[in-house]
C-alpha atoms as a PDB file:
ATOM      1  CA  MET A   1       4.251 -23.483  -3.822  1.00  0.00           C
ATOM      2  CA  GLN A   2       1.897 -20.883  -2.328  1.00  0.00           C
ATOM      3  CA  HIS A   3       0.068 -18.975  -5.090  1.00  0.00           C
ATOM      4  CA  LEU A   4      -0.362 -15.209  -4.704  1.00  0.00           C
ATOM      5  CA  ASP A   5      -2.764 -12.946  -6.530  1.00  0.00           C
ATOM      6  CA  LYS A   6      -1.330  -9.954  -8.396  1.00  0.00           C
ATOM      7  CA  ARG A   7      -1.796  -7.574  -5.457  1.00  0.00           C
ATOM      8  CA  LEU A   8       0.233  -9.744  -3.085  1.00  0.00           C
ATOM      9  CA  SER A   9       2.749 -10.581  -5.830  1.00  0.00           C
ATOM     10  CA  VAL A  10       3.546  -6.885  -6.239  1.00  0.00           C
ATOM     11  CA  ILE A  11       4.208  -6.619  -2.494  1.00  0.00           C
ATOM     12  CA  ALA A  12       6.445  -9.697  -2.618  1.00  0.00           C
ATOM     13  CA  GLY A  13       8.375  -8.156  -5.506  1.00  0.00           C
ATOM     14  CA  LEU A  14       9.304  -5.120  -3.387  1.00  0.00           C
ATOM     15  CA  PHE A  15      10.473  -7.161  -0.386  1.00  0.00           C
ATOM     16  CA  THR A  16      14.163  -6.918   0.555  1.00  0.00           C
ATOM     17  CA  PRO A  17      15.905 -10.044  -0.827  1.00  0.00           C
ATOM     18  CA  GLY A  18      17.118 -12.191   2.054  1.00  0.00           C
ATOM     19  CA  GLY A  19      15.361  -9.967   4.576  1.00  0.00           C
ATOM     20  CA  ARG A  20      13.303 -10.670   7.662  1.00  0.00           C
ATOM     21  CA  GLY A  21       9.774  -9.307   7.624  1.00  0.00           C
ATOM     22  CA  ILE A  22       6.713  -8.633   9.723  1.00  0.00           C
ATOM     23  CA  ASP A  23       3.378  -9.197   7.969  1.00  0.00           C
ATOM     24  CA  VAL A  24       0.876  -7.132   9.955  1.00  0.00           C
ATOM     25  CA  GLY A  25      -2.694  -8.380   9.527  1.00  0.00           C
ATOM     26  CA  THR A  26      -1.492 -11.560   7.839  1.00  0.00           C
ATOM     27  CA  ASP A  27      -4.992 -13.023   7.365  1.00  0.00           C
ATOM     28  CA  HIS A  28      -4.364 -16.541   5.962  1.00  0.00           C
ATOM     29  CA  GLY A  29      -0.583 -16.147   5.991  1.00  0.00           C
ATOM     30  CA  TYR A  30      -0.242 -16.638   2.236  1.00  0.00           C
ATOM     31  CA  LEU A  31       2.223 -13.794   1.709  1.00  0.00           C
ATOM     32  CA  ALA A  32       4.516 -14.806   4.571  1.00  0.00           C
ATOM     33  CA  VAL A  33       4.548 -18.412   3.339  1.00  0.00           C
ATOM     34  CA  ALA A  34       5.247 -17.418  -0.283  1.00  0.00           C
ATOM     35  CA  LEU A  35       8.108 -15.101   0.700  1.00  0.00           C
ATOM     36  CA  VAL A  36       9.872 -17.814   2.695  1.00  0.00           C
ATOM     37  CA  GLN A  37       9.043 -20.609   0.231  1.00  0.00           C
ATOM     38  CA  GLY A  38      10.383 -18.585  -2.671  1.00  0.00           C
ATOM     39  CA  GLY A  39      13.630 -17.786  -0.882  1.00  0.00           C
ATOM     40  CA  LYS A  40      12.900 -14.035  -0.796  1.00  0.00           C
ATOM     41  CA  ALA A  41      12.692 -13.907   3.022  1.00  0.00           C
ATOM     42  CA  GLN A  42      14.910 -15.645   5.570  1.00  0.00           C
ATOM     43  CA  SER A  43      12.094 -15.642   8.098  1.00  0.00           C
ATOM     44  CA  MET A  44       8.799 -13.911   8.831  1.00  0.00           C
ATOM     45  CA  LEU A  45       6.666 -12.855  11.760  1.00  0.00           C
ATOM     46  CA  ALA A  46       2.972 -13.095  10.825  1.00  0.00           C
ATOM     47  CA  THR A  47       0.556 -11.199  13.048  1.00  0.00           C
ATOM     48  CA  ASP A  48      -3.149 -10.529  13.269  1.00  0.00           C
ATOM     49  CA  VAL A  49      -5.449  -8.801  15.732  1.00  0.00           C
ATOM     50  CA  ASN A  50      -8.085 -11.547  15.410  1.00  0.00           C
ATOM     51  CA  PRO A  51      -7.571 -15.148  16.651  1.00  0.00           C
ATOM     52  CA  GLY A  52      -9.521 -16.714  13.744  1.00  0.00           C
ATOM     53  CA  PRO A  53      -7.374 -15.442  10.867  1.00  0.00           C
ATOM     54  CA  LEU A  54      -4.225 -16.037  12.915  1.00  0.00           C
ATOM     55  CA  GLN A  55      -5.190 -19.685  13.361  1.00  0.00           C
ATOM     56  CA  SER A  56      -5.772 -19.933   9.601  1.00  0.00           C
ATOM     57  CA  ALA A  57      -2.264 -18.557   9.092  1.00  0.00           C
ATOM     58  CA  ARG A  58      -0.811 -21.057  11.556  1.00  0.00           C
ATOM     59  CA  ASN A  59      -2.548 -23.884   9.690  1.00  0.00           C
ATOM     60  CA  CYS A  60      -1.168 -22.645   6.344  1.00  0.00           C
ATOM     61  CA  ILE A  61       2.327 -22.314   7.789  1.00  0.00           C
ATOM     62  CA  ALA A  62       2.200 -25.814   9.290  1.00  0.00           C
ATOM     63  CA  GLU A  63       0.832 -27.359   6.076  1.00  0.00           C
ATOM     64  CA  ASN A  64       3.820 -25.921   4.222  1.00  0.00           C
ATOM     65  CA  GLY A  65       6.322 -27.127   6.832  1.00  0.00           C
ATOM     66  CA  LEU A  66       7.513 -23.641   7.742  1.00  0.00           C
ATOM     67  CA  THR A  67       6.812 -23.403  11.477  1.00  0.00           C
ATOM     68  CA  ASP A  68      10.559 -23.105  12.128  1.00  0.00           C
ATOM     69  CA  ARG A  69      10.881 -20.054   9.889  1.00  0.00           C
ATOM     70  CA  ILE A  70       7.556 -18.232  10.302  1.00  0.00           C
ATOM     71  CA  ASP A  71       6.519 -17.176  13.788  1.00  0.00           C
ATOM     72  CA  THR A  72       2.998 -15.947  14.575  1.00  0.00           C
ATOM     73  CA  ARG A  73       1.743 -13.446  17.092  1.00  0.00           C
ATOM     74  CA  LEU A  74      -1.657 -12.136  18.169  1.00  0.00           C
ATOM     75  CA  ALA A  75      -1.112  -8.376  18.110  1.00  0.00           C
ATOM     76  CA  ASP A  76      -2.885  -5.082  17.516  1.00  0.00           C
ATOM     77  CA  GLY A  77      -0.849  -3.482  14.748  1.00  0.00           C
ATOM     78  CA  LEU A  78       2.765  -3.026  15.809  1.00  0.00           C
ATOM     79  CA  GLU A  79       2.021  -2.849  19.530  1.00  0.00           C
ATOM     80  CA  GLY A  80       4.398  -5.005  21.544  1.00  0.00           C
ATOM     81  CA  LEU A  81       6.239  -6.431  18.527  1.00  0.00           C
ATOM     82  CA  PRO A  82      10.041  -6.691  18.441  1.00  0.00           C
ATOM     83  CA  LEU A  83      11.105  -4.491  15.524  1.00  0.00           C
ATOM     84  CA  SER A  84      14.862  -4.862  15.939  1.00  0.00           C
ATOM     85  CA  GLY A  85      16.422  -7.148  13.341  1.00  0.00           C
ATOM     86  CA  PHE A  86      13.536  -6.914  10.888  1.00  0.00           C
ATOM     87  CA  THR A  87      14.196  -5.345   7.500  1.00  0.00           C
ATOM     88  CA  ASP A  88      10.646  -5.121   6.147  1.00  0.00           C
ATOM     89  CA  ILE A  89       7.248  -4.277   7.563  1.00  0.00           C
ATOM     90  CA  ILE A  90       4.208  -5.145   5.452  1.00  0.00           C
ATOM     91  CA  ILE A  91       0.828  -3.606   6.249  1.00  0.00           C
ATOM     92  CA  ALA A  92      -1.647  -4.582   3.548  1.00  0.00           C
ATOM     93  CA  GLY A  93      -5.349  -5.049   2.976  1.00  0.00           C
ATOM     94  CA  MET A  94      -6.542  -2.273   5.312  1.00  0.00           C
ATOM     95  CA  GLY A  95      -7.814   1.282   5.020  1.00  0.00           C
ATOM     96  CA  GLY A  96      -5.251   4.049   4.678  1.00  0.00           C
ATOM     97  CA  GLN A  97      -6.210   5.696   7.958  1.00  0.00           C
ATOM     98  CA  LEU A  98      -5.828   2.419   9.854  1.00  0.00           C
ATOM     99  CA  ILE A  99      -2.388   1.890   8.291  1.00  0.00           C
ATOM    100  CA  SER A 100      -1.432   5.425   9.392  1.00  0.00           C
ATOM    101  CA  SER A 101      -2.654   4.671  12.906  1.00  0.00           C
ATOM    102  CA  ILE A 102      -0.576   1.469  13.053  1.00  0.00           C
ATOM    103  CA  LEU A 103       2.584   3.255  11.864  1.00  0.00           C
ATOM    104  CA  SER A 104       2.025   6.036  14.396  1.00  0.00           C
ATOM    105  CA  GLN A 105       2.384   3.475  17.214  1.00  0.00           C
ATOM    106  CA  ARG A 106       6.133   3.113  16.579  1.00  0.00           C
ATOM    107  CA  VAL A 107       7.239   5.988  14.328  1.00  0.00           C
ATOM    108  CA  GLY A 108      10.564   6.516  16.070  1.00  0.00           C
ATOM    109  CA  GLU A 109      11.592   2.881  15.581  1.00  0.00           C
ATOM    110  CA  LEU A 110      10.870   2.640  11.854  1.00  0.00           C
ATOM    111  CA  ALA A 111      14.079   4.250  10.544  1.00  0.00           C
ATOM    112  CA  GLY A 112      15.842   1.928   8.111  1.00  0.00           C
ATOM    113  CA  LYS A 113      12.819  -0.335   7.616  1.00  0.00           C
ATOM    114  CA  ASN A 114      11.455  -1.097   4.153  1.00  0.00           C
ATOM    115  CA  LEU A 115       7.758  -0.269   4.558  1.00  0.00           C
ATOM    116  CA  LEU A 116       5.371  -1.943   2.111  1.00  0.00           C
ATOM    117  CA  LEU A 117       1.900  -0.471   2.472  1.00  0.00           C
ATOM    118  CA  GLN A 118      -1.164  -1.505   0.509  1.00  0.00           C
ATOM    119  CA  PRO A 119      -4.274   0.552   1.300  1.00  0.00           C
ATOM    120  CA  MET A 120      -7.595  -0.921   0.189  1.00  0.00           C
ATOM    121  CA  THR A 121      -9.252   2.489   0.650  1.00  0.00           C
ATOM    122  CA  GLN A 122      -8.233   6.006   1.756  1.00  0.00           C
ATOM    123  CA  ALA A 123      -4.889   5.989  -0.080  1.00  0.00           C
ATOM    124  CA  PRO A 124      -4.859   9.827  -0.219  1.00  0.00           C
ATOM    125  CA  ALA A 125      -5.148  10.033   3.576  1.00  0.00           C
ATOM    126  CA  LEU A 126      -2.244   7.606   3.937  1.00  0.00           C
ATOM    127  CA  ARG A 127      -0.007   9.523   1.510  1.00  0.00           C
ATOM    128  CA  GLN A 128      -0.766  12.785   3.285  1.00  0.00           C
ATOM    129  CA  TRP A 129       0.000  11.246   6.680  1.00  0.00           C
ATOM    130  CA  LEU A 130       3.300   9.826   5.405  1.00  0.00           C
ATOM    131  CA  CYS A 131       4.409  13.194   4.021  1.00  0.00           C
ATOM    132  CA  GLU A 132       3.411  15.060   7.174  1.00  0.00           C
ATOM    133  CA  ASN A 133       5.130  12.593   9.511  1.00  0.00           C
ATOM    134  CA  GLY A 134       8.581  12.307   8.008  1.00  0.00           C
ATOM    135  CA  PHE A 135       8.189   9.387   5.603  1.00  0.00           C
ATOM    136  CA  SER A 136       9.458   9.374   2.029  1.00  0.00           C
ATOM    137  CA  ILE A 137       7.363   7.602  -0.603  1.00  0.00           C
ATOM    138  CA  LEU A 138      10.040   5.902  -2.705  1.00  0.00           C
ATOM    139  CA  LEU A 139       7.807   4.361  -5.353  1.00  0.00           C
ATOM    140  CA  GLU A 140       4.393   2.896  -6.016  1.00  0.00           C
ATOM    141  CA  ARG A 141       3.384  -0.135  -8.049  1.00  0.00           C
ATOM    142  CA  CYS A 142      -0.193  -0.821  -9.123  1.00  0.00           C
ATOM    143  CA  ALA A 143      -2.009  -4.120  -9.423  1.00  0.00           C
ATOM    144  CA  VAL A 144      -5.428  -5.126 -10.682  1.00  0.00           C
ATOM    145  CA  ALA A 145      -6.833  -8.100  -8.777  1.00  0.00           C
ATOM    146  CA  ALA A 146     -10.390  -9.435  -8.715  1.00  0.00           C
ATOM    147  CA  GLY A 147     -11.480  -6.552 -10.960  1.00  0.00           C
ATOM    148  CA  LYS A 148     -10.182  -3.795  -8.664  1.00  0.00           C
ATOM    149  CA  ALA A 149      -7.107  -1.597  -8.997  1.00  0.00           C
ATOM    150  CA  TYR A 150      -4.770  -1.176  -6.029  1.00  0.00           C
ATOM    151  CA  THR A 151      -1.469   0.520  -5.293  1.00  0.00           C
ATOM    152  CA  VAL A 152       1.431  -0.700  -3.197  1.00  0.00           C
ATOM    153  CA  ILE A 153       3.441   2.079  -1.560  1.00  0.00           C
ATOM    154  CA  GLN A 154       7.101   1.570  -0.713  1.00  0.00           C
ATOM    155  CA  ALA A 155       8.124   4.069   1.960  1.00  0.00           C
ATOM    156  CA  ARG A 156      10.924   4.828   4.409  1.00  0.00           C
ATOM    157  CA  PHE A 157      11.095   6.973   7.510  1.00  0.00           C
ATOM    158  CA  THR A 158      13.553   9.839   7.034  1.00  0.00           C
ATOM    159  CA  GLY A 159      12.262  12.283   9.623  1.00  0.00           C
ATOM    160  CA  GLU A 160      11.917  14.939   6.927  1.00  0.00           C
ATOM    161  CA  LYS A 161       8.395  16.265   6.505  1.00  0.00           C
ATOM    162  CA  THR A 162       7.349  17.181   2.973  1.00  0.00           C
ATOM    163  CA  ASP A 163       4.503  19.080   1.343  1.00  0.00           C
ATOM    164  CA  CYS A 164       1.662  17.008  -0.041  1.00  0.00           C
ATOM    165  CA  SER A 165      -0.450  18.705  -2.691  1.00  0.00           C
ATOM    166  CA  PRO A 166      -4.041  17.490  -3.222  1.00  0.00           C
ATOM    167  CA  LEU A 167      -2.982  15.922  -6.551  1.00  0.00           C
ATOM    168  CA  PHE A 168      -0.011  14.095  -5.001  1.00  0.00           C
ATOM    169  CA  ALA A 169      -2.249  12.870  -2.163  1.00  0.00           C
ATOM    170  CA  LEU A 170      -4.602  11.474  -4.805  1.00  0.00           C
ATOM    171  CA  VAL A 171      -2.111   9.843  -7.195  1.00  0.00           C
ATOM    172  CA  GLY A 172       1.154   9.604  -5.265  1.00  0.00           C
ATOM    173  CA  ARG A 173       3.923   8.151  -7.408  1.00  0.00           C
ATOM    174  CA  THR A 174       1.626   5.933  -9.468  1.00  0.00           C
ATOM    175  CA  PRO A 175       2.168   8.048 -12.633  1.00  0.00           C
ATOM    176  CA  GLU A 176       5.797   6.825 -12.560  1.00  0.00           C
ATOM    177  CA  ASP A 177       4.606   3.209 -12.862  1.00  0.00           C
ATOM    178  CA  GLY A 178       4.615   2.486 -16.589  1.00  0.00           C
ATOM    179  CA  GLY A 179       2.574  -0.727 -16.302  1.00  0.00           C
ATOM    180  CA  GLU A 180      -0.941  -1.198 -17.673  1.00  0.00           C
ATOM    181  CA  ASP A 181      -2.363  -1.671 -14.180  1.00  0.00           C
ATOM    182  CA  ALA A 182      -1.229   1.838 -13.247  1.00  0.00           C
ATOM    183  CA  GLY A 183      -3.241   3.158 -16.193  1.00  0.00           C
ATOM    184  CA  VAL A 184      -6.298   1.325 -14.870  1.00  0.00           C
ATOM    185  CA  TYR A 185      -5.672   2.731 -11.384  1.00  0.00           C
ATOM    186  CA  LEU A 186      -5.384   6.303 -12.657  1.00  0.00           C
ATOM    187  CA  GLN A 187      -8.460   5.940 -14.884  1.00  0.00           C
ATOM    188  CA  THR A 188     -10.388   4.656 -11.858  1.00  0.00           C
ATOM    189  CA  LEU A 189      -9.320   7.728  -9.893  1.00  0.00           C
ATOM    190  CA  LEU A 190     -10.436  10.003 -12.750  1.00  0.00           C
ATOM    191  CA  SER A 191     -13.865   8.359 -13.007  1.00  0.00           C
ATOM    192  CA  ARG A 192     -14.325   8.594  -9.247  1.00  0.00           C
ATOM    193  CA  GLU A 193     -13.284  12.255  -9.124  1.00  0.00           C
ATOM    194  CA  GLN A 194     -15.518  13.160 -12.062  1.00  0.00           C
ATOM    195  CA  LYS A 195     -18.440  11.556 -10.249  1.00  0.00           C
ATOM    196  CA  ARG A 196     -17.585  13.476  -7.066  1.00  0.00           C
ATOM    197  CA  LEU A 197     -17.359  16.739  -9.019  1.00  0.00           C
ATOM    198  CA  LYS A 198     -20.772  16.143 -10.548  1.00  0.00           C
ATOM    199  CA  GLY A 199     -22.200  15.587  -7.068  1.00  0.00           C
ATOM    200  CA  LEU A 200     -20.555  18.736  -5.705  1.00  0.00           C
ATOM    201  CA  LYS A 201     -22.031  20.840  -8.509  1.00  0.00           C
ATOM    202  CA  ALA A 202     -25.483  19.337  -7.994  1.00  0.00           C
ATOM    203  CA  ALA A 203     -25.526  20.052  -4.248  1.00  0.00           C
ATOM    204  CA  ALA A 204     -28.221  22.359  -2.855  1.00  0.00           C
ATOM    205  CA  SER A 205     -25.507  24.662  -1.498  1.00  0.00           C
ATOM    206  CA  PRO A 206     -22.439  24.146  -3.724  1.00  0.00           C
ATOM    207  CA  ASP A 207     -19.061  24.617  -2.038  1.00  0.00           C
ATOM    208  CA  GLU A 208     -17.155  26.679  -4.613  1.00  0.00           C
ATOM    209  CA  ALA A 209     -13.744  26.003  -3.055  1.00  0.00           C
ATOM    210  CA  GLU A 210     -14.329  22.245  -3.103  1.00  0.00           C
ATOM    211  CA  ILE A 211     -15.603  22.430  -6.675  1.00  0.00           C
ATOM    212  CA  ARG A 212     -12.467  24.314  -7.780  1.00  0.00           C
ATOM    213  CA  GLN A 213     -10.196  21.790  -6.106  1.00  0.00           C
ATOM    214  CA  SER A 214     -12.084  18.877  -7.661  1.00  0.00           C
ATOM    215  CA  GLU A 215     -11.885  20.529 -11.094  1.00  0.00           C
ATOM    216  CA  GLU A 216      -8.114  20.894 -10.622  1.00  0.00           C
ATOM    217  CA  LEU A 217      -7.816  17.216  -9.687  1.00  0.00           C
ATOM    218  CA  VAL A 218      -9.808  16.163 -12.754  1.00  0.00           C
ATOM    219  CA  ALA A 219      -7.624  18.342 -14.970  1.00  0.00           C
ATOM    220  CA  GLY A 220      -4.460  16.969 -13.350  1.00  0.00           C
ATOM    221  CA  LEU A 221      -5.564  13.362 -13.819  1.00  0.00           C
ATOM    222  CA  LYS A 222      -6.494  13.987 -17.463  1.00  0.00           C
ATOM    223  CA  GLU A 223      -3.069  15.527 -18.066  1.00  0.00           C
ATOM    224  CA  ILE A 224      -1.301  12.536 -16.472  1.00  0.00           C
ATOM    225  CA  LEU A 225      -3.311  10.059 -18.541  1.00  0.00           C
ATOM    226  CA  ALA A 226      -2.774  12.041 -21.751  1.00  0.00           C
ATOM    227  CA  ARG A 227       0.973  12.105 -21.099  1.00  0.00           C
ATOM    228  CA  ARG A 228       0.986   8.352 -20.537  1.00  0.00           C
ATOM    229  CA  GLU A 229      -0.812   7.796 -23.850  1.00  0.00           C
ATOM    230  CA  LYS A 230       1.666  10.055 -25.644  1.00  0.00           C
ATOM    231  CA  GLU A 231       4.630   8.193 -24.124  1.00  0.00           C
ATOM    232  CA  LYS A 232       3.043   4.859 -24.957  1.00  0.00           C
ATOM    233  CA  GLY A 233       2.542   5.933 -28.573  1.00  0.00           C
ATOM    234  CA  ALA A 234       6.125   7.142 -28.830  1.00  0.00           C
ATOM    235  CA  SER A 235       7.495   3.819 -27.610  1.00  0.00           C
ATOM    236  CA  VAL A 236       5.535   1.707 -30.135  1.00  0.00           C
END
């Protein structure tokens, strides 16, 4: 049975049971193999823009005897891929801006798809892009893997554009995740924003507007974390 780390396990947990998925940027193919092996996916299409990782995925698929249920394709994002008939599209392990760029290739064809997005960096940019381009962020689940905290965003295309405040761009729907890993994720965001605020204040020519916004983000994060602690205490 293919073992997944916590980050990939969270993605697998949000996959449509019995669905057919595309794993964009599959790397070694571990997620596609685990989804089919575990009976979560009927079949998968594993893609990568680089021949090396794609060959690694093909080897993994063959070693697990799944070549009849997992197809592979050399592709740049979603370009040229057949989206019809697929329920889920996974884009994980990339920067948020790159994920946005990949989605923008086929926006009109994404209605009804379960989008599972896992940004390694630039999550705020991804959330903002989703809101501005007619995608609804349904939920987020956090995972700590190899000492780093990540979020997995489940989204759907609705065509309805929504406002995205600076705080929502920063945290998204992670405050709704009651797990311990979400607390680690939010604390990481607070530490990072506090460090940024310190740098802004120490600049030779401080940008007062940026400082105010950063102070608001720090205050918002502290409030979210305090509320989580209060709720945690009440449930004990």
